[in-house]
C-alpha cells in the first residue's frame, strides 16, 4: 500500500496512553465504589428498604461489571498494540536481513 508508514514507537506510545486511561478509569471506579460503600446499610430493614437495598446493590454490581469489562478491554488493546509493534519490528528486521543476504549473493 503506497504511502503507508508504520511507526512501532508511535504504537507503543498509544499503548502507554491506553494504559494511562485504564489506570484513570480504575481509580475513578475505586473512588465510586468507596463512595457507594457508605450507603451499604442506608436502606434499613423495613419494606421499602428491603426492596430498595437489593435493587441498589444490583445497579452497583451492573455498573461495576460494565466499568471492569471496559478496563479489561483497554488493557487488552494496549497489549495488542505492543505486540503489533514488536511484530512489525521483527518483520522489518527479517526483511532487511533477507535483502542483505540477497545483496551479498549479488556481489561479484
Foldseek 3Di string as FASTA:
>chain_A
DPPDDDDLVVLLVVLVVLVVVLVVLVVVLVVVVVVCVVCQCVLDDDPRSVVVNVVVVVVNVVVSVVSVVVSVVSNVSSVVSNVVSVVVVVVVVVVVVVVVVVVVVPDD
